[in-house]
Amino acid sequence: MTATFVMGLGAQVAWLALKLVGPVLIAGLVVGVVIGILQAATQIQEQTLAFVPKLAVMILVLLALGPWMITILTDFAAHILGHLNAFIQ
């Protein structure tokens, strides 16, 4: 294994991680901004008002995109395991 190969594999793993957690984090961010604007407009400063909706939306996104995420992750793992001999040499 060369340094270039390891760096390339690390870049693939980083891109995969961003691709998998991106939709969940973006949904949480959007809900957090909307709740923050509503809290600022109404001057209600309750912490659970921001936390519970973000958590609920992130869980819904995970449930909706879970099969896609698992497919992407298993395809990557199958690719890595399928080319294991090339990685070792």
PDB file of N, CA and C in Angstrom:
ATOM      1  N   MET A   1       0.839  -1.175   0.000  1.00  0.00           N
ATOM      2  CA  MET A   1       0.000   0.000   0.000  1.00  0.00           C
ATOM      3  C   MET A   1       0.885   1.239   0.000  1.00  0.00           C
ATOM      4  N   THR A   2       0.583   2.133  -0.881  1.00  0.00           N
ATOM      5  CA  THR A   2       1.344   3.369  -0.961  1.00  0.00           C
ATOM      6  C   THR A   2       0.610   4.472  -0.207  1.00  0.00           C
ATOM      7  N   ALA A   3       1.317   5.551   0.016  1.00  0.00           N
ATOM      8  CA  ALA A   3       0.715   6.688   0.708  1.00  0.00           C
ATOM      9  C   ALA A   3      -0.410   7.295  -0.129  1.00  0.00           C
ATOM     10  N   THR A   4      -0.235   7.285  -1.444  1.00  0.00           N
ATOM     11  CA  THR A   4      -1.267   7.819  -2.328  1.00  0.00           C
ATOM     12  C   THR A   4      -2.549   6.993  -2.231  1.00  0.00           C
ATOM     13  N   PHE A   5      -2.392   5.679  -2.164  1.00  0.00           N
ATOM     14  CA  PHE A   5      -3.553   4.798  -2.042  1.00  0.00           C
ATOM     15  C   PHE A   5      -4.290   5.046  -0.728  1.00  0.00           C
ATOM     16  N   VAL A   6      -3.535   5.170   0.356  1.00  0.00           N
ATOM     17  CA  VAL A   6      -4.142   5.389   1.668  1.00  0.00           C
ATOM     18  C   VAL A   6      -4.863   6.736   1.704  1.00  0.00           C
ATOM     19  N   MET A   7      -4.260   7.754   1.103  1.00  0.00           N
ATOM     20  CA  MET A   7      -4.895   9.071   1.052  1.00  0.00           C
ATOM     21  C   MET A   7      -6.181   9.020   0.206  1.00  0.00           C
ATOM     22  N   GLY A   8      -6.145   8.287  -0.895  1.00  0.00           N
ATOM     23  CA  GLY A   8      -7.331   8.141  -1.733  1.00  0.00           C
ATOM     24  C   GLY A   8      -8.450   7.409  -1.017  1.00  0.00           C
ATOM     25  N   LEU A   9      -8.094   6.360  -0.300  1.00  0.00           N
ATOM     26  CA  LEU A   9      -9.087   5.606   0.466  1.00  0.00           C
ATOM     27  C   LEU A   9      -9.660   6.471   1.588  1.00  0.00           C
ATOM     28  N   GLY A  10      -8.805   7.247   2.228  1.00  0.00           N
ATOM     29  CA  GLY A  10      -9.282   8.159   3.270  1.00  0.00           C
ATOM     30  C   GLY A  10     -10.231   9.201   2.710  1.00  0.00           C
ATOM     31  N   ALA A  11      -9.933   9.699   1.521  1.00  0.00           N
ATOM     32  CA  ALA A  11     -10.822  10.677   0.884  1.00  0.00           C
ATOM     33  C   ALA A  11     -12.167  10.035   0.542  1.00  0.00           C
ATOM     34  N   GLN A  12     -12.148   8.799   0.079  1.00  0.00           N
ATOM     35  CA  GLN A  12     -13.407   8.100  -0.218  1.00  0.00           C
ATOM     36  C   GLN A  12     -14.243   7.910   1.037  1.00  0.00           C
ATOM     37  N   VAL A  13     -13.591   7.553   2.128  1.00  0.00           N
ATOM     38  CA  VAL A  13     -14.312   7.349   3.392  1.00  0.00           C
ATOM     39  C   VAL A  13     -14.882   8.669   3.900  1.00  0.00           C
ATOM     40  N   ALA A  14     -14.099   9.751   3.791  1.00  0.00           N
ATOM     41  CA  ALA A  14     -14.588  11.060   4.233  1.00  0.00           C
ATOM     42  C   ALA A  14     -15.781  11.504   3.392  1.00  0.00           C
ATOM     43  N   TRP A  15     -15.709  11.301   2.075  1.00  0.00           N
ATOM     44  CA  TRP A  15     -16.825  11.666   1.197  1.00  0.00           C
ATOM     45  C   TRP A  15     -18.062  10.829   1.516  1.00  0.00           C
ATOM     46  N   LEU A  16     -17.863   9.543   1.790  1.00  0.00           N
ATOM     47  CA  LEU A  16     -18.979   8.670   2.148  1.00  0.00           C
ATOM     48  C   LEU A  16     -19.632   9.145   3.447  1.00  0.00           C
ATOM     49  N   ALA A  17     -18.815   9.505   4.426  1.00  0.00           N
ATOM     50  CA  ALA A  17     -19.366   9.989   5.693  1.00  0.00           C
ATOM     51  C   ALA A  17     -20.163  11.270   5.488  1.00  0.00           C
ATOM     52  N   LEU A  18     -19.654  12.189   4.689  1.00  0.00           N
ATOM     53  CA  LEU A  18     -20.381  13.432   4.409  1.00  0.00           C
ATOM     54  C   LEU A  18     -21.687  13.164   3.673  1.00  0.00           C
ATOM     55  N   LYS A  19     -21.636  12.215   2.742  1.00  0.00           N
ATOM     56  CA  LYS A  19     -22.835  11.885   1.965  1.00  0.00           C
ATOM     57  C   LYS A  19     -23.902  11.246   2.850  1.00  0.00           C
ATOM     58  N   LEU A  20     -23.488  10.486   3.848  1.00  0.00           N
ATOM     59  CA  LEU A  20     -24.456   9.801   4.698  1.00  0.00           C
ATOM     60  C   LEU A  20     -25.041  10.710   5.781  1.00  0.00           C
ATOM     61  N   VAL A  21     -24.226  11.554   6.391  1.00  0.00           N
ATOM     62  CA  VAL A  21     -24.737  12.388   7.482  1.00  0.00           C
ATOM     63  C   VAL A  21     -25.222  13.747   7.008  1.00  0.00           C
ATOM     64  N   GLY A  22     -24.899  14.125   5.782  1.00  0.00           N
ATOM     65  CA  GLY A  22     -25.282  15.432   5.269  1.00  0.00           C
ATOM     66  C   GLY A  22     -26.776  15.711   5.318  1.00  0.00           C
ATOM     67  N   PRO A  23     -27.610  14.837   4.763  1.00  0.00           N
ATOM     68  CA  PRO A  23     -29.053  15.115   4.789  1.00  0.00           C
ATOM     69  C   PRO A  23     -29.625  15.255   6.205  1.00  0.00           C
ATOM     70  N   VAL A  24     -29.129  14.457   7.125  1.00  0.00           N
ATOM     71  CA  VAL A  24     -29.623  14.520   8.503  1.00  0.00           C
ATOM     72  C   VAL A  24     -29.224  15.844   9.144  1.00  0.00           C
ATOM     73  N   LEU A  25     -27.966  16.234   8.962  1.00  0.00           N
ATOM     74  CA  LEU A  25     -27.500  17.476   9.552  1.00  0.00           C
ATOM     75  C   LEU A  25     -28.151  18.695   8.917  1.00  0.00           C
ATOM     76  N   ILE A  26     -28.360  18.663   7.616  1.00  0.00           N
ATOM     77  CA  ILE A  26     -29.000  19.799   6.948  1.00  0.00           C
ATOM     78  C   ILE A  26     -30.452  19.939   7.418  1.00  0.00           C
ATOM     79  N   ALA A  27     -31.148  18.831   7.572  1.00  0.00           N
ATOM     80  CA  ALA A  27     -32.528  18.897   8.075  1.00  0.00           C
ATOM     81  C   ALA A  27     -32.558  19.469   9.489  1.00  0.00           C
ATOM     82  N   GLY A  28     -31.640  19.037  10.342  1.00  0.00           N
ATOM     83  CA  GLY A  28     -31.566  19.580  11.691  1.00  0.00           C
ATOM     84  C   GLY A  28     -31.227  21.060  11.698  1.00  0.00           C
ATOM     85  N   LEU A  29     -30.347  21.465  10.793  1.00  0.00           N
ATOM     86  CA  LEU A  29     -29.969  22.869  10.688  1.00  0.00           C
ATOM     87  C   LEU A  29     -31.148  23.733  10.258  1.00  0.00           C
ATOM     88  N   VAL A  30     -31.873  23.287   9.253  1.00  0.00           N
ATOM     89  CA  VAL A  30     -33.021  24.061   8.757  1.00  0.00           C
ATOM     90  C   VAL A  30     -34.085  24.205   9.845  1.00  0.00           C
ATOM     91  N   VAL A  31     -34.399  23.113  10.519  1.00  0.00           N
ATOM     92  CA  VAL A  31     -35.401  23.173  11.585  1.00  0.00           C
ATOM     93  C   VAL A  31     -34.906  24.055  12.725  1.00  0.00           C
ATOM     94  N   GLY A  32     -33.636  23.966  13.060  1.00  0.00           N
ATOM     95  CA  GLY A  32     -33.078  24.799  14.117  1.00  0.00           C
ATOM     96  C   GLY A  32     -33.151  26.281  13.796  1.00  0.00           C
ATOM     97  N   VAL A  33     -32.874  26.643  12.549  1.00  0.00           N
ATOM     98  CA  VAL A  33     -32.956  28.055  12.146  1.00  0.00           C
ATOM     99  C   VAL A  33     -34.399  28.546  12.196  1.00  0.00           C
ATOM    100  N   VAL A  34     -35.328  27.729  11.699  1.00  0.00           N
ATOM    101  CA  VAL A  34     -36.741  28.128  11.728  1.00  0.00           C
ATOM    102  C   VAL A  34     -37.222  28.295  13.165  1.00  0.00           C
ATOM    103  N   ILE A  35     -36.902  27.358  14.027  1.00  0.00           N
ATOM    104  CA  ILE A  35     -37.304  27.453  15.433  1.00  0.00           C
ATOM    105  C   ILE A  35     -36.629  28.651  16.092  1.00  0.00           C
ATOM    106  N   GLY A  36     -35.360  28.896  15.765  1.00  0.00           N
ATOM    107  CA  GLY A  36     -34.664  30.049  16.320  1.00  0.00           C
ATOM    108  C   GLY A  36     -35.307  31.360  15.912  1.00  0.00           C
ATOM    109  N   ILE A  37     -35.729  31.455  14.661  1.00  0.00           N
ATOM    110  CA  ILE A  37     -36.412  32.674  14.196  1.00  0.00           C
ATOM    111  C   ILE A  37     -37.745  32.842  14.924  1.00  0.00           C
ATOM    112  N   LEU A  38     -38.482  31.739  15.068  1.00  0.00           N
ATOM    113  CA  LEU A  38     -39.749  31.811  15.794  1.00  0.00           C
ATOM    114  C   LEU A  38     -39.543  32.192  17.262  1.00  0.00           C
ATOM    115  N   GLN A  39     -38.505  31.659  17.870  1.00  0.00           N
ATOM    116  CA  GLN A  39     -38.222  32.008  19.268  1.00  0.00           C
ATOM    117  C   GLN A  39     -37.817  33.467  19.398  1.00  0.00           C
ATOM    118  N   ALA A  40     -37.038  33.963  18.454  1.00  0.00           N
ATOM    119  CA  ALA A  40     -36.643  35.366  18.504  1.00  0.00           C
ATOM    120  C   ALA A  40     -37.842  36.285  18.272  1.00  0.00           C
ATOM    121  N   ALA A  41     -38.751  35.878  17.391  1.00  0.00           N
ATOM    122  CA  ALA A  41     -39.914  36.710  17.100  1.00  0.00           C
ATOM    123  C   ALA A  41     -40.895  36.752  18.266  1.00  0.00           C
ATOM    124  N   THR A  42     -41.037  35.630  18.947  1.00  0.00           N
ATOM    125  CA  THR A  42     -41.998  35.567  20.052  1.00  0.00           C
ATOM    126  C   THR A  42     -41.346  35.781  21.410  1.00  0.00           C
ATOM    127  N   GLN A  43     -40.043  35.881  21.459  1.00  0.00           N
ATOM    128  CA  GLN A  43     -39.253  36.059  22.682  1.00  0.00           C
ATOM    129  C   GLN A  43     -39.479  34.926  23.685  1.00  0.00           C
ATOM    130  N   ILE A  44     -39.717  33.743  23.173  1.00  0.00           N
ATOM    131  CA  ILE A  44     -39.805  32.551  24.016  1.00  0.00           C
ATOM    132  C   ILE A  44     -38.438  31.874  23.971  1.00  0.00           C
ATOM    133  N   GLN A  45     -37.784  31.765  25.106  1.00  0.00           N
ATOM    134  CA  GLN A  45     -36.436  31.206  25.150  1.00  0.00           C
ATOM    135  C   GLN A  45     -36.423  29.869  25.894  1.00  0.00           C
ATOM    136  N   GLU A  46     -37.182  28.941  25.402  1.00  0.00           N
ATOM    137  CA  GLU A  46     -37.247  27.607  25.993  1.00  0.00           C
ATOM    138  C   GLU A  46     -36.355  26.671  25.200  1.00  0.00           C
ATOM    139  N   GLN A  47     -35.415  25.995  25.863  1.00  0.00           N
ATOM    140  CA  GLN A  47     -34.455  25.136  25.179  1.00  0.00           C
ATOM    141  C   GLN A  47     -35.102  23.903  24.558  1.00  0.00           C
ATOM    142  N   THR A  48     -36.081  23.347  25.230  1.00  0.00           N
ATOM    143  CA  THR A  48     -36.708  22.136  24.687  1.00  0.00           C
ATOM    144  C   THR A  48     -37.501  22.438  23.419  1.00  0.00           C
ATOM    145  N   LEU A  49     -37.915  23.673  23.252  1.00  0.00           N
ATOM    146  CA  LEU A  49     -38.632  24.065  22.040  1.00  0.00           C
ATOM    147  C   LEU A  49     -37.738  23.925  20.809  1.00  0.00           C
ATOM    148  N   ALA A  50     -36.447  24.082  20.970  1.00  0.00           N
ATOM    149  CA  ALA A  50     -35.527  23.927  19.844  1.00  0.00           C
ATOM    150  C   ALA A  50     -35.056  22.480  19.708  1.00  0.00           C
ATOM    151  N   PHE A  51     -34.892  21.800  20.833  1.00  0.00           N
ATOM    152  CA  PHE A  51     -34.288  20.468  20.810  1.00  0.00           C
ATOM    153  C   PHE A  51     -35.244  19.397  20.294  1.00  0.00           C
ATOM    154  N   VAL A  52     -36.465  19.379  20.789  1.00  0.00           N
ATOM    155  CA  VAL A  52     -37.409  18.308  20.455  1.00  0.00           C
ATOM    156  C   VAL A  52     -37.774  18.296  18.965  1.00  0.00           C
ATOM    157  N   PRO A  53     -38.102  19.436  18.345  1.00  0.00           N
ATOM    158  CA  PRO A  53     -38.404  19.378  16.906  1.00  0.00           C
ATOM    159  C   PRO A  53     -37.202  18.962  16.055  1.00  0.00           C
ATOM    160  N   LYS A  54     -36.008  19.428  16.425  1.00  0.00           N
ATOM    161  CA  LYS A  54     -34.816  19.009  15.667  1.00  0.00           C
ATOM    162  C   LYS A  54     -34.613  17.510  15.769  1.00  0.00           C
ATOM    163  N   LEU A  55     -34.756  16.981  16.967  1.00  0.00           N
ATOM    164  CA  LEU A  55     -34.596  15.545  17.166  1.00  0.00           C
ATOM    165  C   LEU A  55     -35.633  14.763  16.375  1.00  0.00           C
ATOM    166  N   ALA A  56     -36.892  15.228  16.400  1.00  0.00           N
ATOM    167  CA  ALA A  56     -37.964  14.539  15.675  1.00  0.00           C
ATOM    168  C   ALA A  56     -37.716  14.551  14.171  1.00  0.00           C
ATOM    169  N   VAL A  57     -37.302  15.693  13.634  1.00  0.00           N
ATOM    170  CA  VAL A  57     -37.048  15.786  12.190  1.00  0.00           C
ATOM    171  C   VAL A  57     -35.860  14.926  11.798  1.00  0.00           C
ATOM    172  N   MET A  58     -34.819  14.914  12.609  1.00  0.00           N
ATOM    173  CA  MET A  58     -33.644  14.097  12.286  1.00  0.00           C
ATOM    174  C   MET A  58     -33.992  12.603  12.313  1.00  0.00           C
ATOM    175  N   ILE A  59     -34.826  12.201  13.245  1.00  0.00           N
ATOM    176  CA  ILE A  59     -35.261  10.801  13.285  1.00  0.00           C
ATOM    177  C   ILE A  59     -36.098  10.468  12.053  1.00  0.00           C
ATOM    178  N   LEU A  60     -36.982  11.376  11.655  1.00  0.00           N
ATOM    179  CA  LEU A  60     -37.799  11.138  10.457  1.00  0.00           C
ATOM    180  C   LEU A  60     -36.934  11.048   9.201  1.00  0.00           C
ATOM    181  N   VAL A  61     -35.914  11.895   9.112  1.00  0.00           N
ATOM    182  CA  VAL A  61     -35.010  11.836   7.956  1.00  0.00           C
ATOM    183  C   VAL A  61     -34.248  10.520   7.959  1.00  0.00           C
ATOM    184  N   LEU A  62     -33.800  10.083   9.131  1.00  0.00           N
ATOM    185  CA  LEU A  62     -33.113   8.787   9.212  1.00  0.00           C
ATOM    186  C   LEU A  62     -34.027   7.641   8.796  1.00  0.00           C
ATOM    187  N   LEU A  63     -35.272   7.694   9.221  1.00  0.00           N
ATOM    188  CA  LEU A  63     -36.212   6.641   8.828  1.00  0.00           C
ATOM    189  C   LEU A  63     -36.495   6.672   7.331  1.00  0.00           C
ATOM    190  N   ALA A  64     -36.600   7.873   6.764  1.00  0.00           N
ATOM    191  CA  ALA A  64     -36.911   7.988   5.343  1.00  0.00           C
ATOM    192  C   ALA A  64     -35.723   7.606   4.470  1.00  0.00           C
ATOM    193  N   LEU A  65     -34.528   8.009   4.861  1.00  0.00           N
ATOM    194  CA  LEU A  65     -33.338   7.770   4.038  1.00  0.00           C
ATOM    195  C   LEU A  65     -32.507   6.578   4.498  1.00  0.00           C
ATOM    196  N   GLY A  66     -32.975   5.880   5.522  1.00  0.00           N
ATOM    197  CA  GLY A  66     -32.227   4.742   6.054  1.00  0.00           C
ATOM    198  C   GLY A  66     -31.896   3.672   5.029  1.00  0.00           C
ATOM    199  N   PRO A  67     -32.864   3.224   4.232  1.00  0.00           N
ATOM    200  CA  PRO A  67     -32.550   2.202   3.231  1.00  0.00           C
ATOM    201  C   PRO A  67     -31.498   2.670   2.215  1.00  0.00           C
ATOM    202  N   TRP A  68     -31.592   3.923   1.791  1.00  0.00           N
ATOM    203  CA  TRP A  68     -30.587   4.478   0.866  1.00  0.00           C
ATOM    204  C   TRP A  68     -29.215   4.512   1.520  1.00  0.00           C
ATOM    205  N   MET A  69     -29.156   4.918   2.775  1.00  0.00           N
ATOM    206  CA  MET A  69     -27.881   4.990   3.495  1.00  0.00           C
ATOM    207  C   MET A  69     -27.256   3.602   3.649  1.00  0.00           C
ATOM    208  N   ILE A  70     -28.074   2.629   3.977  1.00  0.00           N
ATOM    209  CA  ILE A  70     -27.561   1.273   4.140  1.00  0.00           C
ATOM    210  C   ILE A  70     -27.071   0.719   2.809  1.00  0.00           C
ATOM    211  N   THR A  71     -27.776   1.019   1.739  1.00  0.00           N
ATOM    212  CA  THR A  71     -27.344   0.572   0.409  1.00  0.00           C
ATOM    213  C   THR A  71     -25.997   1.167   0.040  1.00  0.00           C
ATOM    214  N   ILE A  72     -25.832   2.463   0.260  1.00  0.00           N
ATOM    215  CA  ILE A  72     -24.558   3.132  -0.044  1.00  0.00           C
ATOM    216  C   ILE A  72     -23.434   2.529   0.789  1.00  0.00           C
ATOM    217  N   LEU A  73     -23.696   2.317   2.080  1.00  0.00           N
ATOM    218  CA  LEU A  73     -22.664   1.785   2.972  1.00  0.00           C
ATOM    219  C   LEU A  73     -22.305   0.341   2.634  1.00  0.00           C
ATOM    220  N   THR A  74     -23.296  -0.482   2.321  1.00  0.00           N
ATOM    221  CA  THR A  74     -22.992  -1.871   1.985  1.00  0.00           C
ATOM    222  C   THR A  74     -22.293  -1.981   0.630  1.00  0.00           C
ATOM    223  N   ASP A  75     -22.645  -1.113  -0.321  1.00  0.00           N
ATOM    224  CA  ASP A  75     -21.931  -1.102  -1.602  1.00  0.00           C
ATOM    225  C   ASP A  75     -20.461  -0.748  -1.413  1.00  0.00           C
ATOM    226  N   PHE A  76     -20.204   0.238  -0.565  1.00  0.00           N
ATOM    227  CA  PHE A  76     -18.810   0.627  -0.293  1.00  0.00           C
ATOM    228  C   PHE A  76     -18.062  -0.511   0.397  1.00  0.00           C
ATOM    229  N   ALA A  77     -18.703  -1.125   1.380  1.00  0.00           N
ATOM    230  CA  ALA A  77     -18.056  -2.235   2.090  1.00  0.00           C
ATOM    231  C   ALA A  77     -17.810  -3.412   1.152  1.00  0.00           C
ATOM    232  N   ALA A  78     -18.761  -3.707   0.267  1.00  0.00           N
ATOM    233  CA  ALA A  78     -18.572  -4.795  -0.688  1.00  0.00           C
ATOM    234  C   ALA A  78     -17.435  -4.488  -1.649  1.00  0.00           C
ATOM    235  N   HIS A  79     -17.322  -3.233  -2.050  1.00  0.00           N
ATOM    236  CA  HIS A  79     -16.218  -2.835  -2.926  1.00  0.00           C
ATOM    237  C   HIS A  79     -14.870  -3.013  -2.217  1.00  0.00           C
ATOM    238  N   ILE A  80     -14.796  -2.574  -0.980  1.00  0.00           N
ATOM    239  CA  ILE A  80     -13.546  -2.702  -0.218  1.00  0.00           C
ATOM    240  C   ILE A  80     -13.201  -4.175  -0.008  1.00  0.00           C
ATOM    241  N   LEU A  81     -14.170  -4.961   0.418  1.00  0.00           N
ATOM    242  CA  LEU A  81     -13.903  -6.373   0.674  1.00  0.00           C
ATOM    243  C   LEU A  81     -13.657  -7.158  -0.611  1.00  0.00           C
ATOM    244  N   GLY A  82     -14.286  -6.747  -1.705  1.00  0.00           N
ATOM    245  CA  GLY A  82     -14.087  -7.426  -2.978  1.00  0.00           C
ATOM    246  C   GLY A  82     -12.694  -7.203  -3.547  1.00  0.00           C
ATOM    247  N   HIS A  83     -12.094  -6.086  -3.225  1.00  0.00           N
ATOM    248  CA  HIS A  83     -10.754  -5.766  -3.721  1.00  0.00           C
ATOM    249  C   HIS A  83      -9.706  -5.857  -2.620  1.00  0.00           C
ATOM    250  N   LEU A  84      -9.949  -6.694  -1.629  1.00  0.00           N
ATOM    251  CA  LEU A  84      -9.048  -6.807  -0.485  1.00  0.00           C
ATOM    252  C   LEU A  84      -7.652  -7.287  -0.903  1.00  0.00           C
ATOM    253  N   ASN A  85      -7.575  -8.193  -1.844  1.00  0.00           N
ATOM    254  CA  ASN A  85      -6.258  -8.662  -2.294  1.00  0.00           C
ATOM    255  C   ASN A  85      -5.436  -7.536  -2.886  1.00  0.00           C
ATOM    256  N   ALA A  86      -6.058  -6.658  -3.634  1.00  0.00           N
ATOM    257  CA  ALA A  86      -5.338  -5.532  -4.223  1.00  0.00           C
ATOM    258  C   ALA A  86      -4.881  -4.560  -3.145  1.00  0.00           C
ATOM    259  N   PHE A  87      -5.643  -4.455  -2.056  1.00  0.00           N
ATOM    260  CA  PHE A  87      -5.294  -3.528  -1.007  1.00  0.00           C
ATOM    261  C   PHE A  87      -4.105  -4.030  -0.184  1.00  0.00           C
ATOM    262  N   ILE A  88      -4.015  -5.344  -0.024  1.00  0.00           N
ATOM    263  CA  ILE A  88      -2.959  -5.914   0.808  1.00  0.00           C
ATOM    264  C   ILE A  88      -1.607  -5.834   0.108  1.00  0.00           C
ATOM    265  N   GLN A  89      -1.571  -6.056  -1.190  1.00  0.00           N
ATOM    266  CA  GLN A  89      -0.299  -6.105  -1.894  1.00  0.00           C
ATOM    267  C   GLN A  89       0.320  -4.767  -2.101  1.00  0.00           C
TER     268      GLN A  89
END
